[in-house]
Protein backbone atom coordinates (compact mmCIF):
# COMPACT_ATOMS: atom_id res chain seq x y z
CA UNK A 1 95.97 91.32 103.17
CA UNK A 2 92.93 89.15 102.79
CA UNK A 3 89.57 89.44 104.66
CA UNK A 4 90.27 86.58 106.94
CA UNK A 5 93.59 88.13 108.28
CA UNK A 6 91.96 91.28 108.67
CA UNK A 7 89.00 89.70 110.65
CA UNK A 8 91.48 87.71 112.93
CA UNK A 9 93.35 90.91 113.55
CA UNK A 10 90.05 92.68 114.50
CA UNK A 11 89.22 89.67 116.84
CA UNK A 12 92.89 89.95 118.34
CA UNK A 13 92.58 93.71 118.80
CA UNK A 14 89.17 93.63 120.45
CA UNK A 15 90.67 90.78 122.76
CA UNK A 16 93.31 92.63 124.04
CA UNK A 17 91.02 95.64 124.63
CA UNK A 18 88.80 93.33 126.72
CA UNK A 19 91.81 92.18 128.80
CA UNK A 20 92.64 95.89 129.72
CA UNK A 21 89.16 96.51 130.59
CA UNK A 22 89.06 93.41 133.05
CA UNK A 23 92.39 94.46 134.31
CA UNK A 24 90.94 97.80 135.08
CA UNK A 25 88.42 96.34 137.37
CA UNK A 26 91.01 94.85 139.56
CA UNK A 27 93.38 97.68 139.65
CA UNK A 28 91.47 100.73 140.46
CA UNK A 29 94.41 103.01 141.07
CA UNK A 30 95.34 102.43 137.18
CA UNK A 31 91.91 102.03 135.79
CA UNK A 32 91.83 105.39 133.77
CA UNK A 33 95.11 104.32 132.20
CA UNK A 34 94.02 100.88 131.35
CA UNK A 35 90.71 102.02 129.97
CA UNK A 36 92.49 104.58 127.69
CA UNK A 37 94.63 101.66 126.32
CA UNK A 38 91.42 99.53 125.90
CA UNK A 39 89.94 102.66 123.92
CA UNK A 40 93.07 102.74 121.76
CA UNK A 41 92.88 98.93 120.88
CA UNK A 42 89.20 99.38 119.88
CA UNK A 43 90.22 102.29 117.83
CA UNK A 44 92.68 100.27 116.12
CA UNK A 45 90.19 97.49 115.45
CA UNK A 46 87.59 99.87 113.94
CA UNK A 47 90.37 101.45 111.68
CA UNK A 48 91.19 97.96 110.45
CA UNK A 49 87.45 97.24 109.66
CA UNK A 50 86.88 100.67 107.90
CA UNK A 51 90.05 100.17 105.68
CA UNK A 52 88.80 96.68 104.82
CA UNK A 53 85.46 97.81 103.82
CA UNK A 54 86.68 100.92 102.02
CA UNK A 55 89.03 98.65 99.92
CA UNK A 56 85.96 96.42 99.17
CA UNK A 57 83.84 99.28 98.10
CA UNK A 58 86.79 100.62 95.90
CA UNK A 59 87.03 97.26 94.27
CA UNK A 60 83.36 97.15 93.81
CA UNK A 61 83.36 100.34 91.97
CA UNK A 62 86.32 99.46 89.62
CA UNK A 63 84.50 96.27 88.62
CA UNK A 64 81.24 98.00 87.86
CA UNK A 65 82.92 100.68 85.73
């Protein structure tokens, strides 16, 4: 997957997390569950970024060798 697609996924995941947080404001009875979902989407975005930068670092090491 190319860098542009990964960054688009990250943007999308963080947008979804934001929507969960916004919804939590208007649904206090479900707020803990909604905030948990937001945290899961943020974690997914972070994993995607970490994998992307790890693969770039591996590629850089291979080119230097």
